[in-house]
Amino acid sequence: MCCRLTVVVMPEDRGVPRWLVERNAQGVEVMARDEDGWCAAIDPQRMSCSIYADRPAICRSFAMGGAYCLDIRATYREQRLRGIPLTLY
């Protein structure tokens, strides 16, 4: 699922709120992550992007519905049903 990957924010990604962007150790601007490694733009209740209309270009090119995406979503659903927090790994 794209919300678990490192997302580079490019200069042309002007719509991304700056409070969701941080610099990594290499000095590259990336989407911030929460303490569990999830993209900070994820709405954990709906399991969707809270800035979908303004998401970075790299997010727009991510193929939803692939094997990795479906596996992460299934694990998330299973854990939510058991009352386990959003952390997957």
C-alpha atoms as a PDB file:
ATOM      1  CA  MET A   1       0.000   0.000   0.000  1.00  0.00           C
ATOM      2  CA  CYS A   2       1.404   3.376  -0.924  1.00  0.00           C
ATOM      3  CA  CYS A   3       0.888   4.665   2.601  1.00  0.00           C
ATOM      4  CA  ARG A   4       3.766   2.471   3.833  1.00  0.00           C
ATOM      5  CA  LEU A   5       6.313   3.512   1.178  1.00  0.00           C
ATOM      6  CA  THR A   6       8.731   6.438   1.179  1.00  0.00           C
ATOM      7  CA  VAL A   7       7.086   9.149  -0.898  1.00  0.00           C
ATOM      8  CA  VAL A   8       9.394  11.769  -2.373  1.00  0.00           C
ATOM      9  CA  VAL A   9       7.784  15.205  -2.665  1.00  0.00           C
ATOM     10  CA  MET A  10       8.905  16.903  -5.865  1.00  0.00           C
ATOM     11  CA  PRO A  11       9.010  20.698  -6.416  1.00  0.00           C
ATOM     12  CA  GLU A  12       5.983  20.443  -8.715  1.00  0.00           C
ATOM     13  CA  ASP A  13       3.922  18.888  -5.887  1.00  0.00           C
ATOM     14  CA  ARG A  14       2.800  22.333  -4.733  1.00  0.00           C
ATOM     15  CA  GLY A  15      -0.542  21.246  -3.269  1.00  0.00           C
ATOM     16  CA  VAL A  16       0.951  19.075  -0.528  1.00  0.00           C
ATOM     17  CA  PRO A  17       0.521  20.792   2.859  1.00  0.00           C
ATOM     18  CA  ARG A  18       3.976  21.704   4.166  1.00  0.00           C
ATOM     19  CA  TRP A  19       3.248  20.330   7.646  1.00  0.00           C
ATOM     20  CA  LEU A  20       3.088  16.859   6.036  1.00  0.00           C
ATOM     21  CA  VAL A  21       6.574  17.176   4.500  1.00  0.00           C
ATOM     22  CA  GLU A  22       9.912  16.466   6.176  1.00  0.00           C
ATOM     23  CA  ARG A  23      13.526  16.077   5.060  1.00  0.00           C
ATOM     24  CA  ASN A  24      15.060  12.642   5.313  1.00  0.00           C
ATOM     25  CA  ALA A  25      18.675  11.939   6.314  1.00  0.00           C
ATOM     26  CA  GLN A  26      19.794  12.523   2.717  1.00  0.00           C
ATOM     27  CA  GLY A  27      18.127  15.962   2.607  1.00  0.00           C
ATOM     28  CA  VAL A  28      15.308  14.852   0.299  1.00  0.00           C
ATOM     29  CA  GLU A  29      11.785  16.123   0.973  1.00  0.00           C
ATOM     30  CA  VAL A  30       9.439  13.210   1.686  1.00  0.00           C
ATOM     31  CA  MET A  31       5.972  12.759   3.099  1.00  0.00           C
ATOM     32  CA  ALA A  32       6.128  12.663   6.897  1.00  0.00           C
ATOM     33  CA  ARG A  33       5.296   9.412   8.658  1.00  0.00           C
ATOM     34  CA  ASP A  34       3.676   8.714  11.978  1.00  0.00           C
ATOM     35  CA  GLU A  35       5.363   6.747  14.746  1.00  0.00           C
ATOM     36  CA  ASP A  36       4.181   3.484  13.164  1.00  0.00           C
ATOM     37  CA  GLY A  37       5.632   4.252   9.723  1.00  0.00           C
ATOM     38  CA  TRP A  38       2.365   5.209   8.033  1.00  0.00           C
ATOM     39  CA  CYS A  39       2.121   8.275   5.801  1.00  0.00           C
ATOM     40  CA  ALA A  40       0.977  11.193   7.962  1.00  0.00           C
ATOM     41  CA  ALA A  41      -1.710  12.042   5.377  1.00  0.00           C
ATOM     42  CA  ILE A  42      -3.603   8.778   5.973  1.00  0.00           C
ATOM     43  CA  ASP A  43      -6.992   9.022   7.667  1.00  0.00           C
ATOM     44  CA  PRO A  44      -6.824   5.854   9.817  1.00  0.00           C
ATOM     45  CA  GLN A  45     -10.589   5.671  10.308  1.00  0.00           C
ATOM     46  CA  ARG A  46     -11.357   5.519   6.578  1.00  0.00           C
ATOM     47  CA  MET A  47      -7.948   4.103   5.571  1.00  0.00           C
ATOM     48  CA  SER A  48      -7.696   6.654   2.808  1.00  0.00           C
ATOM     49  CA  CYS A  49      -5.607   9.656   1.855  1.00  0.00           C
ATOM     50  CA  SER A  50      -6.738  12.852   3.557  1.00  0.00           C
ATOM     51  CA  ILE A  51      -5.099  14.988   0.820  1.00  0.00           C
ATOM     52  CA  TYR A  52      -6.126  12.840  -2.148  1.00  0.00           C
ATOM     53  CA  ALA A  53      -6.774  15.791  -4.500  1.00  0.00           C
ATOM     54  CA  ASP A  54      -3.385  17.306  -3.596  1.00  0.00           C
ATOM     55  CA  ARG A  55      -1.331  14.113  -3.212  1.00  0.00           C
ATOM     56  CA  PRO A  56       2.190  13.981  -4.689  1.00  0.00           C
ATOM     57  CA  ALA A  57       2.689  12.831  -8.281  1.00  0.00           C
ATOM     58  CA  ILE A  58       4.386   9.623  -7.129  1.00  0.00           C
ATOM     59  CA  CYS A  59       1.217   8.713  -5.200  1.00  0.00           C
ATOM     60  CA  ARG A  60      -0.856   9.307  -8.321  1.00  0.00           C
ATOM     61  CA  SER A  61       1.226   6.748 -10.217  1.00  0.00           C
ATOM     62  CA  PHE A  62       0.951   3.993  -7.568  1.00  0.00           C
ATOM     63  CA  ALA A  63      -1.029   1.002  -8.854  1.00  0.00           C
ATOM     64  CA  MET A  64      -3.780   0.321  -6.348  1.00  0.00           C
ATOM     65  CA  GLY A  65      -5.035  -3.241  -6.159  1.00  0.00           C
ATOM     66  CA  GLY A  66      -1.674  -4.941  -6.659  1.00  0.00           C
ATOM     67  CA  ALA A  67      -0.652  -7.947  -4.551  1.00  0.00           C
ATOM     68  CA  TYR A  68       1.299  -5.833  -2.019  1.00  0.00           C
ATOM     69  CA  CYS A  69      -1.554  -3.360  -1.660  1.00  0.00           C
ATOM     70  CA  LEU A  70      -4.175  -6.076  -1.161  1.00  0.00           C
ATOM     71  CA  ASP A  71      -2.029  -7.935   1.376  1.00  0.00           C
ATOM     72  CA  ILE A  72      -1.479  -4.810   3.498  1.00  0.00           C
ATOM     73  CA  ARG A  73      -5.186  -3.957   3.386  1.00  0.00           C
ATOM     74  CA  ALA A  74      -6.166  -7.497   4.434  1.00  0.00           C
ATOM     75  CA  THR A  75      -3.724  -7.431   7.345  1.00  0.00           C
ATOM     76  CA  TYR A  76      -5.061  -4.033   8.414  1.00  0.00           C
ATOM     77  CA  ARG A  77      -8.688  -5.212   8.319  1.00  0.00           C
ATOM     78  CA  GLU A  78      -7.861  -8.359  10.282  1.00  0.00           C
ATOM     79  CA  GLN A  79      -6.028  -6.392  12.960  1.00  0.00           C
ATOM     80  CA  ARG A  80      -8.816  -3.804  13.258  1.00  0.00           C
ATOM     81  CA  LEU A  81     -11.365  -6.571  13.771  1.00  0.00           C
ATOM     82  CA  ARG A  82      -9.196  -7.923  16.597  1.00  0.00           C
ATOM     83  CA  GLY A  83      -8.764  -4.444  18.130  1.00  0.00           C
ATOM     84  CA  ILE A  84      -5.075  -4.135  17.267  1.00  0.00           C
ATOM     85  CA  PRO A  85      -3.800  -0.595  16.495  1.00  0.00           C
ATOM     86  CA  LEU A  86      -2.897   0.536  12.977  1.00  0.00           C
ATOM     87  CA  THR A  87       0.723  -0.675  13.246  1.00  0.00           C
ATOM     88  CA  LEU A  88       1.350  -3.494  10.764  1.00  0.00           C
ATOM     89  CA  TYR A  89       4.954  -4.494  11.340  1.00  0.00           C
END
